[in-house]
Amino acid sequence: MGTATVVTLTPQQARDERAQLLREMGMTFEEARERAEEYQLTIREVIRWRRIEELTWLLGE
């Protein structure tokens, strides 16, 4: 059997990572969400957007 790795983030670390990803995309959260809904993201942006969605879910926002 394999092993699992658990990464623990504080809420501030999650917010910081999300902000960094948005800076890398050069968009606000709203702009990125709108482009994602319209399938107008590059593959690299999609990867970042998925992580942003995960972090947002973890933050309960």
PDB file of N, CA and C in Angstrom:
ATOM      1  N   MET A   1       0.829  -1.193   0.000  1.00  0.00           N
ATOM      2  CA  MET A   1       0.000   0.000   0.000  1.00  0.00           C
ATOM      3  C   MET A   1       0.867   1.247   0.000  1.00  0.00           C
ATOM      4  N   GLY A   2       0.312   2.311  -0.537  1.00  0.00           N
ATOM      5  CA  GLY A   2       1.020   3.584  -0.575  1.00  0.00           C
ATOM      6  C   GLY A   2       0.816   4.365   0.705  1.00  0.00           C
ATOM      7  N   THR A   3       1.473   5.477   0.766  1.00  0.00           N
ATOM      8  CA  THR A   3       1.314   6.356   1.911  1.00  0.00           C
ATOM      9  C   THR A   3       0.690   7.666   1.446  1.00  0.00           C
ATOM     10  N   ALA A   4       0.065   8.331   2.366  1.00  0.00           N
ATOM     11  CA  ALA A   4      -0.565   9.620   2.055  1.00  0.00           C
ATOM     12  C   ALA A   4       0.235  10.733   2.712  1.00  0.00           C
ATOM     13  N   THR A   5       0.319  11.842   2.022  1.00  0.00           N
ATOM     14  CA  THR A   5       0.971  13.019   2.569  1.00  0.00           C
ATOM     15  C   THR A   5      -0.101  14.050   2.867  1.00  0.00           C
ATOM     16  N   VAL A   6      -0.076  14.561   4.076  1.00  0.00           N
ATOM     17  CA  VAL A   6      -1.041  15.570   4.482  1.00  0.00           C
ATOM     18  C   VAL A   6      -0.302  16.889   4.633  1.00  0.00           C
ATOM     19  N   VAL A   7      -0.796  17.912   3.956  1.00  0.00           N
ATOM     20  CA  VAL A   7      -0.216  19.243   4.062  1.00  0.00           C
ATOM     21  C   VAL A   7      -1.163  20.095   4.888  1.00  0.00           C
ATOM     22  N   THR A   8      -0.624  20.713   5.912  1.00  0.00           N
ATOM     23  CA  THR A   8      -1.436  21.554   6.789  1.00  0.00           C
ATOM     24  C   THR A   8      -1.166  23.016   6.463  1.00  0.00           C
ATOM     25  N   LEU A   9      -2.242  23.763   6.242  1.00  0.00           N
ATOM     26  CA  LEU A   9      -2.149  25.196   5.964  1.00  0.00           C
ATOM     27  C   LEU A   9      -2.928  25.964   7.009  1.00  0.00           C
ATOM     28  N   THR A  10      -2.391  27.085   7.438  1.00  0.00           N
ATOM     29  CA  THR A  10      -3.183  27.981   8.262  1.00  0.00           C
ATOM     30  C   THR A  10      -4.100  28.765   7.324  1.00  0.00           C
ATOM     31  N   PRO A  11      -5.162  29.342   7.844  1.00  0.00           N
ATOM     32  CA  PRO A  11      -6.009  30.165   6.976  1.00  0.00           C
ATOM     33  C   PRO A  11      -5.222  31.285   6.283  1.00  0.00           C
ATOM     34  N   GLN A  12      -4.271  31.893   6.989  1.00  0.00           N
ATOM     35  CA  GLN A  12      -3.488  32.965   6.378  1.00  0.00           C
ATOM     36  C   GLN A  12      -2.604  32.430   5.257  1.00  0.00           C
ATOM     37  N   GLN A  13      -2.042  31.258   5.430  1.00  0.00           N
ATOM     38  CA  GLN A  13      -1.230  30.662   4.366  1.00  0.00           C
ATOM     39  C   GLN A  13      -2.088  30.374   3.132  1.00  0.00           C
ATOM     40  N   ALA A  14      -3.313  29.916   3.346  1.00  0.00           N
ATOM     41  CA  ALA A  14      -4.216  29.641   2.231  1.00  0.00           C
ATOM     42  C   ALA A  14      -4.568  30.932   1.503  1.00  0.00           C
ATOM     43  N   ARG A  15      -4.843  31.992   2.252  1.00  0.00           N
ATOM     44  CA  ARG A  15      -5.148  33.285   1.622  1.00  0.00           C
ATOM     45  C   ARG A  15      -3.946  33.824   0.849  1.00  0.00           C
ATOM     46  N   ASP A  16      -2.763  33.676   1.445  1.00  0.00           N
ATOM     47  CA  ASP A  16      -1.546  34.154   0.777  1.00  0.00           C
ATOM     48  C   ASP A  16      -1.289  33.379  -0.520  1.00  0.00           C
ATOM     49  N   GLU A  17      -1.465  32.064  -0.463  1.00  0.00           N
ATOM     50  CA  GLU A  17      -1.250  31.259  -1.675  1.00  0.00           C
ATOM     51  C   GLU A  17      -2.253  31.630  -2.759  1.00  0.00           C
ATOM     52  N   ARG A  18      -3.506  31.821  -2.352  1.00  0.00           N
ATOM     53  CA  ARG A  18      -4.541  32.206  -3.317  1.00  0.00           C
ATOM     54  C   ARG A  18      -4.213  33.557  -3.950  1.00  0.00           C
ATOM     55  N   ALA A  19      -3.772  34.511  -3.149  1.00  0.00           N
ATOM     56  CA  ALA A  19      -3.410  35.829  -3.663  1.00  0.00           C
ATOM     57  C   ALA A  19      -2.233  35.726  -4.634  1.00  0.00           C
ATOM     58  N   GLN A  20      -1.255  34.893  -4.311  1.00  0.00           N
ATOM     59  CA  GLN A  20      -0.106  34.704  -5.190  1.00  0.00           C
ATOM     60  C   GLN A  20      -0.531  34.113  -6.529  1.00  0.00           C
ATOM     61  N   LEU A  21      -1.408  33.127  -6.494  1.00  0.00           N
ATOM     62  CA  LEU A  21      -1.888  32.506  -7.733  1.00  0.00           C
ATOM     63  C   LEU A  21      -2.621  33.522  -8.601  1.00  0.00           C
ATOM     64  N   LEU A  22      -3.432  34.361  -7.984  1.00  0.00           N
ATOM     65  CA  LEU A  22      -4.153  35.390  -8.739  1.00  0.00           C
ATOM     66  C   LEU A  22      -3.179  36.400  -9.330  1.00  0.00           C
ATOM     67  N   ARG A  23      -2.126  36.761  -8.584  1.00  0.00           N
ATOM     68  CA  ARG A  23      -1.107  37.667  -9.132  1.00  0.00           C
ATOM     69  C   ARG A  23      -0.429  37.035 -10.337  1.00  0.00           C
ATOM     70  N   GLU A  24      -0.129  35.746 -10.236  1.00  0.00           N
ATOM     71  CA  GLU A  24       0.503  35.045 -11.350  1.00  0.00           C
ATOM     72  C   GLU A  24      -0.402  35.030 -12.584  1.00  0.00           C
ATOM     73  N   MET A  25      -1.715  34.967 -12.347  1.00  0.00           N
ATOM     74  CA  MET A  25      -2.671  34.990 -13.453  1.00  0.00           C
ATOM     75  C   MET A  25      -2.900  36.403 -13.964  1.00  0.00           C
ATOM     76  N   GLY A  26      -2.576  37.405 -13.155  1.00  0.00           N
ATOM     77  CA  GLY A  26      -2.787  38.798 -13.542  1.00  0.00           C
ATOM     78  C   GLY A  26      -4.257  39.178 -13.557  1.00  0.00           C
ATOM     79  N   MET A  27      -5.032  38.566 -12.651  1.00  0.00           N
ATOM     80  CA  MET A  27      -6.484  38.801 -12.614  1.00  0.00           C
ATOM     81  C   MET A  27      -6.960  38.922 -11.172  1.00  0.00           C
ATOM     82  N   THR A  28      -8.137  39.523 -11.038  1.00  0.00           N
ATOM     83  CA  THR A  28      -8.816  39.481  -9.749  1.00  0.00           C
ATOM     84  C   THR A  28      -9.542  38.143  -9.648  1.00  0.00           C
ATOM     85  N   PHE A  29     -10.018  37.817  -8.455  1.00  0.00           N
ATOM     86  CA  PHE A  29     -10.780  36.584  -8.270  1.00  0.00           C
ATOM     87  C   PHE A  29     -12.002  36.585  -9.184  1.00  0.00           C
ATOM     88  N   GLU A  30     -12.691  37.719  -9.242  1.00  0.00           N
ATOM     89  CA  GLU A  30     -13.906  37.814 -10.049  1.00  0.00           C
ATOM     90  C   GLU A  30     -13.615  37.636 -11.539  1.00  0.00           C
ATOM     91  N   GLU A  31     -12.527  38.254 -12.003  1.00  0.00           N
ATOM     92  CA  GLU A  31     -12.146  38.112 -13.412  1.00  0.00           C
ATOM     93  C   GLU A  31     -11.807  36.657 -13.741  1.00  0.00           C
ATOM     94  N   ALA A  32     -11.057  36.023 -12.857  1.00  0.00           N
ATOM     95  CA  ALA A  32     -10.673  34.632 -13.086  1.00  0.00           C
ATOM     96  C   ALA A  32     -11.904  33.726 -13.080  1.00  0.00           C
ATOM     97  N   ARG A  33     -12.816  33.966 -12.143  1.00  0.00           N
ATOM     98  CA  ARG A  33     -14.036  33.149 -12.077  1.00  0.00           C
ATOM     99  C   ARG A  33     -14.858  33.303 -13.350  1.00  0.00           C
ATOM    100  N   GLU A  34     -15.007  34.535 -13.807  1.00  0.00           N
ATOM    101  CA  GLU A  34     -15.785  34.784 -15.023  1.00  0.00           C
ATOM    102  C   GLU A  34     -15.150  34.097 -16.233  1.00  0.00           C
ATOM    103  N   ARG A  35     -13.850  34.221 -16.372  1.00  0.00           N
ATOM    104  CA  ARG A  35     -13.167  33.576 -17.502  1.00  0.00           C
ATOM    105  C   ARG A  35     -13.255  32.060 -17.400  1.00  0.00           C
ATOM    106  N   ALA A  36     -13.188  31.529 -16.179  1.00  0.00           N
ATOM    107  CA  ALA A  36     -13.306  30.071 -16.006  1.00  0.00           C
ATOM    108  C   ALA A  36     -14.700  29.610 -16.414  1.00  0.00           C
ATOM    109  N   GLU A  37     -15.724  30.356 -16.008  1.00  0.00           N
ATOM    110  CA  GLU A  37     -17.098  29.996 -16.356  1.00  0.00           C
ATOM    111  C   GLU A  37     -17.325  30.034 -17.859  1.00  0.00           C
ATOM    112  N   GLU A  38     -16.570  30.867 -18.560  1.00  0.00           N
ATOM    113  CA  GLU A  38     -16.716  31.010 -20.014  1.00  0.00           C
ATOM    114  C   GLU A  38     -15.681  30.186 -20.786  1.00  0.00           C
ATOM    115  N   TYR A  39     -14.951  29.318 -20.061  1.00  0.00           N
ATOM    116  CA  TYR A  39     -13.927  28.459 -20.673  1.00  0.00           C
ATOM    117  C   TYR A  39     -12.903  29.273 -21.456  1.00  0.00           C
ATOM    118  N   GLN A  40     -12.454  30.381 -20.865  1.00  0.00           N
ATOM    119  CA  GLN A  40     -11.510  31.266 -21.536  1.00  0.00           C
ATOM    120  C   GLN A  40     -10.163  31.324 -20.813  1.00  0.00           C
ATOM    121  N   LEU A  41      -9.784  30.232 -20.154  1.00  0.00           N
ATOM    122  CA  LEU A  41      -8.497  30.174 -19.473  1.00  0.00           C
ATOM    123  C   LEU A  41      -7.549  29.261 -20.244  1.00  0.00           C
ATOM    124  N   THR A  42      -6.268  29.594 -20.197  1.00  0.00           N
ATOM    125  CA  THR A  42      -5.275  28.692 -20.766  1.00  0.00           C
ATOM    126  C   THR A  42      -5.141  27.492 -19.827  1.00  0.00           C
ATOM    127  N   ILE A  43      -4.448  26.452 -20.260  1.00  0.00           N
ATOM    128  CA  ILE A  43      -4.289  25.279 -19.411  1.00  0.00           C
ATOM    129  C   ILE A  43      -3.550  25.636 -18.117  1.00  0.00           C
ATOM    130  N   ARG A  44      -2.557  26.489 -18.203  1.00  0.00           N
ATOM    131  CA  ARG A  44      -1.834  26.914 -16.993  1.00  0.00           C
ATOM    132  C   ARG A  44      -2.747  27.690 -16.046  1.00  0.00           C
ATOM    133  N   GLU A  45      -3.604  28.516 -16.623  1.00  0.00           N
ATOM    134  CA  GLU A  45      -4.560  29.267 -15.794  1.00  0.00           C
ATOM    135  C   GLU A  45      -5.584  28.327 -15.167  1.00  0.00           C
ATOM    136  N   VAL A  46      -5.998  27.302 -15.893  1.00  0.00           N
ATOM    137  CA  VAL A  46      -6.952  26.330 -15.355  1.00  0.00           C
ATOM    138  C   VAL A  46      -6.352  25.629 -14.141  1.00  0.00           C
ATOM    139  N   ILE A  47      -5.088  25.250 -14.237  1.00  0.00           N
ATOM    140  CA  ILE A  47      -4.419  24.582 -13.111  1.00  0.00           C
ATOM    141  C   ILE A  47      -4.401  25.502 -11.897  1.00  0.00           C
ATOM    142  N   ARG A  48      -4.039  26.751 -12.122  1.00  0.00           N
ATOM    143  CA  ARG A  48      -4.035  27.713 -11.009  1.00  0.00           C
ATOM    144  C   ARG A  48      -5.449  27.923 -10.484  1.00  0.00           C
ATOM    145  N   TRP A  49      -6.434  28.053 -11.367  1.00  0.00           N
ATOM    146  CA  TRP A  49      -7.812  28.298 -10.958  1.00  0.00           C
ATOM    147  C   TRP A  49      -8.331  27.146 -10.098  1.00  0.00           C
ATOM    148  N   ARG A  50      -8.023  25.927 -10.468  1.00  0.00           N
ATOM    149  CA  ARG A  50      -8.474  24.781  -9.669  1.00  0.00           C
ATOM    150  C   ARG A  50      -7.912  24.851  -8.257  1.00  0.00           C
ATOM    151  N   ARG A  51      -6.645  25.227  -8.124  1.00  0.00           N
ATOM    152  CA  ARG A  51      -6.048  25.366  -6.787  1.00  0.00           C
ATOM    153  C   ARG A  51      -6.726  26.508  -6.033  1.00  0.00           C
ATOM    154  N   ILE A  52      -7.015  27.613  -6.721  1.00  0.00           N
ATOM    155  CA  ILE A  52      -7.714  28.732  -6.088  1.00  0.00           C
ATOM    156  C   ILE A  52      -9.070  28.269  -5.566  1.00  0.00           C
ATOM    157  N   GLU A  53      -9.788  27.490  -6.365  1.00  0.00           N
ATOM    158  CA  GLU A  53     -11.092  26.968  -5.921  1.00  0.00           C
ATOM    159  C   GLU A  53     -10.936  26.080  -4.698  1.00  0.00           C
ATOM    160  N   GLU A  54      -9.899  25.238  -4.676  1.00  0.00           N
ATOM    161  CA  GLU A  54      -9.659  24.368  -3.519  1.00  0.00           C
ATOM    162  C   GLU A  54      -9.393  25.197  -2.268  1.00  0.00           C
ATOM    163  N   LEU A  55      -8.547  26.207  -2.402  1.00  0.00           N
ATOM    164  CA  LEU A  55      -8.213  27.049  -1.258  1.00  0.00           C
ATOM    165  C   LEU A  55      -9.446  27.817  -0.769  1.00  0.00           C
ATOM    166  N   THR A  56     -10.242  28.301  -1.703  1.00  0.00           N
ATOM    167  CA  THR A  56     -11.452  29.035  -1.341  1.00  0.00           C
ATOM    168  C   THR A  56     -12.410  28.118  -0.584  1.00  0.00           C
ATOM    169  N   TRP A  57     -12.538  26.875  -1.037  1.00  0.00           N
ATOM    170  CA  TRP A  57     -13.395  25.905  -0.362  1.00  0.00           C
ATOM    171  C   TRP A  57     -12.873  25.616   1.042  1.00  0.00           C
ATOM    172  N   LEU A  58     -11.560  25.405   1.159  1.00  0.00           N
ATOM    173  CA  LEU A  58     -10.977  25.154   2.477  1.00  0.00           C
ATOM    174  C   LEU A  58     -11.198  26.315   3.443  1.00  0.00           C
ATOM    175  N   LEU A  59     -11.181  27.520   2.896  1.00  0.00           N
ATOM    176  CA  LEU A  59     -11.405  28.712   3.724  1.00  0.00           C
ATOM    177  C   LEU A  59     -12.890  28.925   4.056  1.00  0.00           C
ATOM    178  N   GLY A  60     -13.753  28.163   3.415  1.00  0.00           N
ATOM    179  CA  GLY A  60     -15.186  28.301   3.666  1.00  0.00           C
ATOM    180  C   GLY A  60     -15.767  29.576   3.066  1.00  0.00           C
ATOM    181  N   GLU A  61     -15.140  30.036   2.001  1.00  0.00           N
ATOM    182  CA  GLU A  61     -15.595  31.297   1.370  1.00  0.00           C
ATOM    183  C   GLU A  61     -16.303  31.026   0.070  1.00  0.00           C
TER     184      GLU A  61
END
